[in-house]
Amino acid sequence: MSNHREIEPQHRKSMNDVAAVMANIFKGYGFALFIFPLDGNGGRMNYISNAERADMLVALKEFIANNEGRVHNAPESKQ
């Protein structure tokens, strides 16, 4: 089951333009750009990434676990 939705039309061009610049600057690295309303009044989170969705989900879970102090890196772990 996927809740994946396209970038909202009003953000599509800007997000693609920024992603193209990031891809040029960070060659060989995965990245994601998230935008969301700061006021909490409507809207939704939009994101764009140069990584496959499954790989980005792994990276995000790792990021959250690390920032919550729940990460345990085994000696042989790669990412």
PDB file of N, CA and C in Angstrom:
ATOM      1  N   MET A   1       0.839  -1.176   0.000  1.00  0.00           N
ATOM      2  CA  MET A   1       0.000   0.000   0.000  1.00  0.00           C
ATOM      3  C   MET A   1       0.888   1.245   0.000  1.00  0.00           C
ATOM      4  N   SER A   2       0.572   2.195  -0.847  1.00  0.00           N
ATOM      5  CA  SER A   2       1.377   3.399  -0.960  1.00  0.00           C
ATOM      6  C   SER A   2       0.502   4.634  -0.849  1.00  0.00           C
ATOM      7  N   ASN A   3       0.942   5.568  -0.041  1.00  0.00           N
ATOM      8  CA  ASN A   3       0.252   6.850   0.064  1.00  0.00           C
ATOM      9  C   ASN A   3       0.980   7.914  -0.736  1.00  0.00           C
ATOM     10  N   HIS A   4       1.857   7.480  -1.631  1.00  0.00           N
ATOM     11  CA  HIS A   4       2.669   8.392  -2.420  1.00  0.00           C
ATOM     12  C   HIS A   4       1.772   9.270  -3.293  1.00  0.00           C
ATOM     13  N   ARG A   5       2.008  10.573  -3.231  1.00  0.00           N
ATOM     14  CA  ARG A   5       1.283  11.514  -4.074  1.00  0.00           C
ATOM     15  C   ARG A   5       2.289  12.415  -4.773  1.00  0.00           C
ATOM     16  N   GLU A   6       1.874  12.959  -5.899  1.00  0.00           N
ATOM     17  CA  GLU A   6       2.741  13.866  -6.631  1.00  0.00           C
ATOM     18  C   GLU A   6       2.932  15.158  -5.847  1.00  0.00           C
ATOM     19  N   ILE A   7       4.006  15.856  -6.170  1.00  0.00           N
ATOM     20  CA  ILE A   7       4.256  17.180  -5.581  1.00  0.00           C
ATOM     21  C   ILE A   7       3.093  18.088  -5.957  1.00  0.00           C
ATOM     22  N   GLU A   8       2.653  18.885  -5.012  1.00  0.00           N
ATOM     23  CA  GLU A   8       1.575  19.823  -5.294  1.00  0.00           C
ATOM     24  C   GLU A   8       1.992  20.746  -6.440  1.00  0.00           C
ATOM     25  N   PRO A   9       1.078  21.031  -7.351  1.00  0.00           N
ATOM     26  CA  PRO A   9       1.419  21.802  -8.557  1.00  0.00           C
ATOM     27  C   PRO A   9       2.136  23.122  -8.289  1.00  0.00           C
ATOM     28  N   GLN A  10       1.761  23.835  -7.245  1.00  0.00           N
ATOM     29  CA  GLN A  10       2.372  25.135  -6.972  1.00  0.00           C
ATOM     30  C   GLN A  10       3.833  25.020  -6.535  1.00  0.00           C
ATOM     31  N   HIS A  11       4.282  23.821  -6.169  1.00  0.00           N
ATOM     32  CA  HIS A  11       5.665  23.621  -5.725  1.00  0.00           C
ATOM     33  C   HIS A  11       6.505  22.821  -6.721  1.00  0.00           C
ATOM     34  N   ARG A  12       5.877  22.233  -7.725  1.00  0.00           N
ATOM     35  CA  ARG A  12       6.553  21.281  -8.610  1.00  0.00           C
ATOM     36  C   ARG A  12       7.786  21.875  -9.290  1.00  0.00           C
ATOM     37  N   LYS A  13       7.663  22.990  -9.973  1.00  0.00           N
ATOM     38  CA  LYS A  13       8.794  23.551 -10.709  1.00  0.00           C
ATOM     39  C   LYS A  13       9.930  23.936  -9.772  1.00  0.00           C
ATOM     40  N   SER A  14       9.617  24.624  -8.686  1.00  0.00           N
ATOM     41  CA  SER A  14      10.668  25.055  -7.753  1.00  0.00           C
ATOM     42  C   SER A  14      11.398  23.865  -7.155  1.00  0.00           C
ATOM     43  N   MET A  15      10.663  22.847  -6.764  1.00  0.00           N
ATOM     44  CA  MET A  15      11.298  21.682  -6.151  1.00  0.00           C
ATOM     45  C   MET A  15      12.161  20.932  -7.165  1.00  0.00           C
ATOM     46  N   ASN A  16      11.691  20.809  -8.398  1.00  0.00           N
ATOM     47  CA  ASN A  16      12.507  20.160  -9.430  1.00  0.00           C
ATOM     48  C   ASN A  16      13.744  20.977  -9.747  1.00  0.00           C
ATOM     49  N   ASP A  17      13.619  22.300  -9.770  1.00  0.00           N
ATOM     50  CA  ASP A  17      14.786  23.159 -10.012  1.00  0.00           C
ATOM     51  C   ASP A  17      15.819  23.011  -8.897  1.00  0.00           C
ATOM     52  N   VAL A  18      15.362  23.026  -7.653  1.00  0.00           N
ATOM     53  CA  VAL A  18      16.279  22.877  -6.515  1.00  0.00           C
ATOM     54  C   VAL A  18      16.920  21.487  -6.539  1.00  0.00           C
ATOM     55  N   ALA A  19      16.134  20.463  -6.834  1.00  0.00           N
ATOM     56  CA  ALA A  19      16.669  19.099  -6.883  1.00  0.00           C
ATOM     57  C   ALA A  19      17.741  18.964  -7.961  1.00  0.00           C
ATOM     58  N   ALA A  20      17.552  19.625  -9.097  1.00  0.00           N
ATOM     59  CA  ALA A  20      18.556  19.570 -10.164  1.00  0.00           C
ATOM     60  C   ALA A  20      19.868  20.203  -9.703  1.00  0.00           C
ATOM     61  N   VAL A  21      19.788  21.305  -8.981  1.00  0.00           N
ATOM     62  CA  VAL A  21      20.993  21.960  -8.450  1.00  0.00           C
ATOM     63  C   VAL A  21      21.658  21.051  -7.420  1.00  0.00           C
ATOM     64  N   MET A  22      20.857  20.472  -6.528  1.00  0.00           N
ATOM     65  CA  MET A  22      21.420  19.589  -5.499  1.00  0.00           C
ATOM     66  C   MET A  22      22.088  18.372  -6.131  1.00  0.00           C
ATOM     67  N   ALA A  23      21.478  17.803  -7.159  1.00  0.00           N
ATOM     68  CA  ALA A  23      22.062  16.634  -7.829  1.00  0.00           C
ATOM     69  C   ALA A  23      23.408  16.984  -8.445  1.00  0.00           C
ATOM     70  N   ASN A  24      23.536  18.187  -8.950  1.00  0.00           N
ATOM     71  CA  ASN A  24      24.793  18.633  -9.549  1.00  0.00           C
ATOM     72  C   ASN A  24      25.869  18.858  -8.482  1.00  0.00           C
ATOM     73  N   ILE A  25      25.475  19.403  -7.361  1.00  0.00           N
ATOM     74  CA  ILE A  25      26.419  19.710  -6.278  1.00  0.00           C
ATOM     75  C   ILE A  25      26.835  18.443  -5.519  1.00  0.00           C
ATOM     76  N   PHE A  26      25.882  17.581  -5.230  1.00  0.00           N
ATOM     77  CA  PHE A  26      26.132  16.402  -4.386  1.00  0.00           C
ATOM     78  C   PHE A  26      26.207  15.122  -5.209  1.00  0.00           C
ATOM     79  N   LYS A  27      26.995  15.147  -6.265  1.00  0.00           N
ATOM     80  CA  LYS A  27      27.144  13.964  -7.118  1.00  0.00           C
ATOM     81  C   LYS A  27      27.610  12.770  -6.287  1.00  0.00           C
ATOM     82  N   GLY A  28      26.943  11.643  -6.487  1.00  0.00           N
ATOM     83  CA  GLY A  28      27.319  10.432  -5.766  1.00  0.00           C
ATOM     84  C   GLY A  28      26.677  10.301  -4.401  1.00  0.00           C
ATOM     85  N   TYR A  29      25.850  11.260  -4.009  1.00  0.00           N
ATOM     86  CA  TYR A  29      25.172  11.234  -2.712  1.00  0.00           C
ATOM     87  C   TYR A  29      23.665  11.285  -2.909  1.00  0.00           C
ATOM     88  N   GLY A  30      22.963  10.610  -2.031  1.00  0.00           N
ATOM     89  CA  GLY A  30      21.518  10.695  -2.031  1.00  0.00           C
ATOM     90  C   GLY A  30      21.081  11.931  -1.267  1.00  0.00           C
ATOM     91  N   PHE A  31      19.952  12.480  -1.672  1.00  0.00           N
ATOM     92  CA  PHE A  31      19.420  13.636  -0.963  1.00  0.00           C
ATOM     93  C   PHE A  31      17.904  13.633  -1.043  1.00  0.00           C
ATOM     94  N   ALA A  32      17.294  14.404  -0.174  1.00  0.00           N
ATOM     95  CA  ALA A  32      15.855  14.637  -0.207  1.00  0.00           C
ATOM     96  C   ALA A  32      15.596  16.077   0.210  1.00  0.00           C
ATOM     97  N   LEU A  33      14.589  16.651  -0.381  1.00  0.00           N
ATOM     98  CA  LEU A  33      14.125  17.987  -0.022  1.00  0.00           C
ATOM     99  C   LEU A  33      12.687  17.843   0.430  1.00  0.00           C
ATOM    100  N   PHE A  34      12.410  18.298   1.637  1.00  0.00           N
ATOM    101  CA  PHE A  34      11.060  18.266   2.190  1.00  0.00           C
ATOM    102  C   PHE A  34      10.586  19.696   2.386  1.00  0.00           C
ATOM    103  N   ILE A  35       9.358  19.966   2.006  1.00  0.00           N
ATOM    104  CA  ILE A  35       8.771  21.265   2.325  1.00  0.00           C
ATOM    105  C   ILE A  35       7.403  21.018   2.951  1.00  0.00           C
ATOM    106  N   PHE A  36       7.066  21.876   3.916  1.00  0.00           N
ATOM    107  CA  PHE A  36       5.789  21.749   4.605  1.00  0.00           C
ATOM    108  C   PHE A  36       5.449  23.103   5.221  1.00  0.00           C
ATOM    109  N   PRO A  37       4.165  23.373   5.417  1.00  0.00           N
ATOM    110  CA  PRO A  37       3.778  24.652   6.007  1.00  0.00           C
ATOM    111  C   PRO A  37       4.210  24.719   7.468  1.00  0.00           C
ATOM    112  N   LEU A  38       4.802  25.822   7.840  1.00  0.00           N
ATOM    113  CA  LEU A  38       5.252  25.999   9.223  1.00  0.00           C
ATOM    114  C   LEU A  38       4.116  26.413  10.152  1.00  0.00           C
ATOM    115  N   ASP A  39       3.061  26.961   9.603  1.00  0.00           N
ATOM    116  CA  ASP A  39       1.988  27.453  10.459  1.00  0.00           C
ATOM    117  C   ASP A  39       1.017  26.357  10.898  1.00  0.00           C
ATOM    118  N   GLY A  40       1.123  25.165  10.304  1.00  0.00           N
ATOM    119  CA  GLY A  40       0.250  24.062  10.688  1.00  0.00           C
ATOM    120  C   GLY A  40      -1.179  24.212  10.228  1.00  0.00           C
ATOM    121  N   ASN A  41      -1.439  25.184   9.388  1.00  0.00           N
ATOM    122  CA  ASN A  41      -2.807  25.429   8.911  1.00  0.00           C
ATOM    123  C   ASN A  41      -2.981  24.919   7.485  1.00  0.00           C
ATOM    124  N   GLY A  42      -3.224  23.650   7.371  1.00  0.00           N
ATOM    125  CA  GLY A  42      -3.464  23.084   6.055  1.00  0.00           C
ATOM    126  C   GLY A  42      -2.183  22.780   5.307  1.00  0.00           C
ATOM    127  N   GLY A  43      -2.358  22.371   4.077  1.00  0.00           N
ATOM    128  CA  GLY A  43      -1.204  21.987   3.286  1.00  0.00           C
ATOM    129  C   GLY A  43      -0.716  20.608   3.681  1.00  0.00           C
ATOM    130  N   ARG A  44       0.312  20.182   3.025  1.00  0.00           N
ATOM    131  CA  ARG A  44       0.881  18.873   3.334  1.00  0.00           C
ATOM    132  C   ARG A  44       2.365  18.892   3.027  1.00  0.00           C
ATOM    133  N   MET A  45       3.049  17.866   3.466  1.00  0.00           N
ATOM    134  CA  MET A  45       4.470  17.757   3.187  1.00  0.00           C
ATOM    135  C   MET A  45       4.656  17.283   1.752  1.00  0.00           C
ATOM    136  N   ASN A  46       5.577  17.921   1.069  1.00  0.00           N
ATOM    137  CA  ASN A  46       5.986  17.523  -0.272  1.00  0.00           C
ATOM    138  C   ASN A  46       7.463  17.171  -0.193  1.00  0.00           C
ATOM    139  N   TYR A  47       7.871  16.169  -0.981  1.00  0.00           N
ATOM    140  CA  TYR A  47       9.301  15.859  -0.996  1.00  0.00           C
ATOM    141  C   TYR A  47       9.732  15.416  -2.378  1.00  0.00           C
ATOM    142  N   ILE A  48      11.022  15.606  -2.612  1.00  0.00           N
ATOM    143  CA  ILE A  48      11.646  15.134  -3.836  1.00  0.00           C
ATOM    144  C   ILE A  48      13.006  14.567  -3.442  1.00  0.00           C
ATOM    145  N   SER A  49      13.424  13.531  -4.138  1.00  0.00           N
ATOM    146  CA  SER A  49      14.673  12.863  -3.808  1.00  0.00           C
ATOM    147  C   SER A  49      15.293  12.298  -5.076  1.00  0.00           C
ATOM    148  N   ASN A  50      16.599  12.095  -5.048  1.00  0.00           N
ATOM    149  CA  ASN A  50      17.261  11.423  -6.163  1.00  0.00           C
ATOM    150  C   ASN A  50      17.438   9.935  -5.885  1.00  0.00           C
ATOM    151  N   ALA A  51      16.971   9.482  -4.742  1.00  0.00           N
ATOM    152  CA  ALA A  51      17.101   8.068  -4.355  1.00  0.00           C
ATOM    153  C   ALA A  51      15.793   7.329  -4.624  1.00  0.00           C
ATOM    154  N   GLU A  52      15.902   6.031  -4.742  1.00  0.00           N
ATOM    155  CA  GLU A  52      14.698   5.208  -4.838  1.00  0.00           C
ATOM    156  C   GLU A  52      13.900   5.369  -3.547  1.00  0.00           C
ATOM    157  N   ARG A  53      12.595   5.294  -3.650  1.00  0.00           N
ATOM    158  CA  ARG A  53      11.714   5.487  -2.488  1.00  0.00           C
ATOM    159  C   ARG A  53      12.086   4.548  -1.332  1.00  0.00           C
ATOM    160  N   ALA A  54      12.308   3.284  -1.615  1.00  0.00           N
ATOM    161  CA  ALA A  54      12.641   2.325  -0.552  1.00  0.00           C
ATOM    162  C   ALA A  54      13.956   2.696   0.138  1.00  0.00           C
ATOM    163  N   ASP A  55      14.948   3.129  -0.627  1.00  0.00           N
ATOM    164  CA  ASP A  55      16.225   3.535  -0.042  1.00  0.00           C
ATOM    165  C   ASP A  55      16.067   4.790   0.806  1.00  0.00           C
ATOM    166  N   MET A  56      15.230   5.717   0.354  1.00  0.00           N
ATOM    167  CA  MET A  56      15.001   6.941   1.119  1.00  0.00           C
ATOM    168  C   MET A  56      14.284   6.623   2.424  1.00  0.00           C
ATOM    169  N   LEU A  57      13.352   5.690   2.400  1.00  0.00           N
ATOM    170  CA  LEU A  57      12.672   5.305   3.639  1.00  0.00           C
ATOM    171  C   LEU A  57      13.656   4.716   4.644  1.00  0.00           C
ATOM    172  N   VAL A  58      14.584   3.899   4.175  1.00  0.00           N
ATOM    173  CA  VAL A  58      15.619   3.337   5.058  1.00  0.00           C
ATOM    174  C   VAL A  58      16.456   4.466   5.650  1.00  0.00           C
ATOM    175  N   ALA A  59      16.884   5.404   4.808  1.00  0.00           N
ATOM    176  CA  ALA A  59      17.707   6.521   5.279  1.00  0.00           C
ATOM    177  C   ALA A  59      16.951   7.371   6.295  1.00  0.00           C
ATOM    178  N   LEU A  60      15.674   7.623   6.050  1.00  0.00           N
ATOM    179  CA  LEU A  60      14.879   8.428   6.984  1.00  0.00           C
ATOM    180  C   LEU A  60      14.692   7.719   8.322  1.00  0.00           C
ATOM    181  N   LYS A  61      14.433   6.422   8.280  1.00  0.00           N
ATOM    182  CA  LYS A  61      14.284   5.657   9.524  1.00  0.00           C
ATOM    183  C   LYS A  61      15.580   5.684  10.325  1.00  0.00           C
ATOM    184  N   GLU A  62      16.699   5.554   9.624  1.00  0.00           N
ATOM    185  CA  GLU A  62      17.995   5.610  10.296  1.00  0.00           C
ATOM    186  C   GLU A  62      18.229   6.991  10.906  1.00  0.00           C
ATOM    187  N   PHE A  63      17.892   8.033  10.158  1.00  0.00           N
ATOM    188  CA  PHE A  63      18.046   9.402  10.643  1.00  0.00           C
ATOM    189  C   PHE A  63      17.215   9.621  11.908  1.00  0.00           C
ATOM    190  N   ILE A  64      15.965   9.192  11.886  1.00  0.00           N
ATOM    191  CA  ILE A  64      15.080   9.373  13.048  1.00  0.00           C
ATOM    192  C   ILE A  64      15.600   8.574  14.239  1.00  0.00           C
ATOM    193  N   ALA A  65      15.961   7.316  14.026  1.00  0.00           N
ATOM    194  CA  ALA A  65      16.473   6.492  15.123  1.00  0.00           C
ATOM    195  C   ALA A  65      17.719   7.118  15.736  1.00  0.00           C
ATOM    196  N   ASN A  66      18.606   7.614  14.901  1.00  0.00           N
ATOM    197  CA  ASN A  66      19.834   8.235  15.384  1.00  0.00           C
ATOM    198  C   ASN A  66      19.527   9.481  16.213  1.00  0.00           C
ATOM    199  N   ASN A  67      18.611  10.295  15.735  1.00  0.00           N
ATOM    200  CA  ASN A  67      18.280  11.531  16.434  1.00  0.00           C
ATOM    201  C   ASN A  67      17.455  11.302  17.687  1.00  0.00           C
ATOM    202  N   GLU A  68      16.820  10.156  17.787  1.00  0.00           N
ATOM    203  CA  GLU A  68      16.089   9.798  19.005  1.00  0.00           C
ATOM    204  C   GLU A  68      16.963   8.981  19.955  1.00  0.00           C
ATOM    205  N   GLY A  69      18.215   8.758  19.586  1.00  0.00           N
ATOM    206  CA  GLY A  69      19.128   8.004  20.434  1.00  0.00           C
ATOM    207  C   GLY A  69      18.862   6.514  20.450  1.00  0.00           C
ATOM    208  N   ARG A  70      18.204   5.998  19.406  1.00  0.00           N
ATOM    209  CA  ARG A  70      17.858   4.578  19.356  1.00  0.00           C
ATOM    210  C   ARG A  70      18.738   3.774  18.422  1.00  0.00           C
ATOM    211  N   VAL A  71      19.764   4.369  17.859  1.00  0.00           N
ATOM    212  CA  VAL A  71      20.546   3.672  16.847  1.00  0.00           C
ATOM    213  C   VAL A  71      21.613   2.790  17.500  1.00  0.00           C
ATOM    214  N   HIS A  72      21.807   1.633  16.924  1.00  0.00           N
ATOM    215  CA  HIS A  72      22.879   0.736  17.349  1.00  0.00           C
ATOM    216  C   HIS A  72      23.555   0.230  16.081  1.00  0.00           C
ATOM    217  N   ASN A  73      24.749   0.687  15.840  1.00  0.00           N
ATOM    218  CA  ASN A  73      25.465   0.274  14.630  1.00  0.00           C
ATOM    219  C   ASN A  73      26.313  -0.947  14.919  1.00  0.00           C
ATOM    220  N   ALA A  74      25.975  -2.032  14.218  1.00  0.00           N
ATOM    221  CA  ALA A  74      26.808  -3.231  14.304  1.00  0.00           C
ATOM    222  C   ALA A  74      28.122  -2.939  13.573  1.00  0.00           C
ATOM    223  N   PRO A  75      29.219  -3.564  13.983  1.00  0.00           N
ATOM    224  CA  PRO A  75      30.525  -3.306  13.357  1.00  0.00           C
ATOM    225  C   PRO A  75      30.525  -3.488  11.845  1.00  0.00           C
ATOM    226  N   GLU A  76      29.695  -4.406  11.333  1.00  0.00           N
ATOM    227  CA  GLU A  76      29.685  -4.664   9.889  1.00  0.00           C
ATOM    228  C   GLU A  76      28.645  -3.839   9.139  1.00  0.00           C
ATOM    229  N   SER A  77      27.908  -2.970   9.821  1.00  0.00           N
ATOM    230  CA  SER A  77      26.877  -2.188   9.118  1.00  0.00           C
ATOM    231  C   SER A  77      27.509  -1.179   8.177  1.00  0.00           C
ATOM    232  N   LYS A  78      26.834  -0.935   7.058  1.00  0.00           N
ATOM    233  CA  LYS A  78      27.380  -0.054   6.032  1.00  0.00           C
ATOM    234  C   LYS A  78      26.784   1.335   6.069  1.00  0.00           C
ATOM    235  N   GLN A  79      25.514   1.473   6.341  1.00  0.00           N
ATOM    236  CA  GLN A  79      24.935   2.814   6.338  1.00  0.00           C
ATOM    237  C   GLN A  79      24.459   3.226   7.672  1.00  0.00           C
TER     238      GLN A  79
END
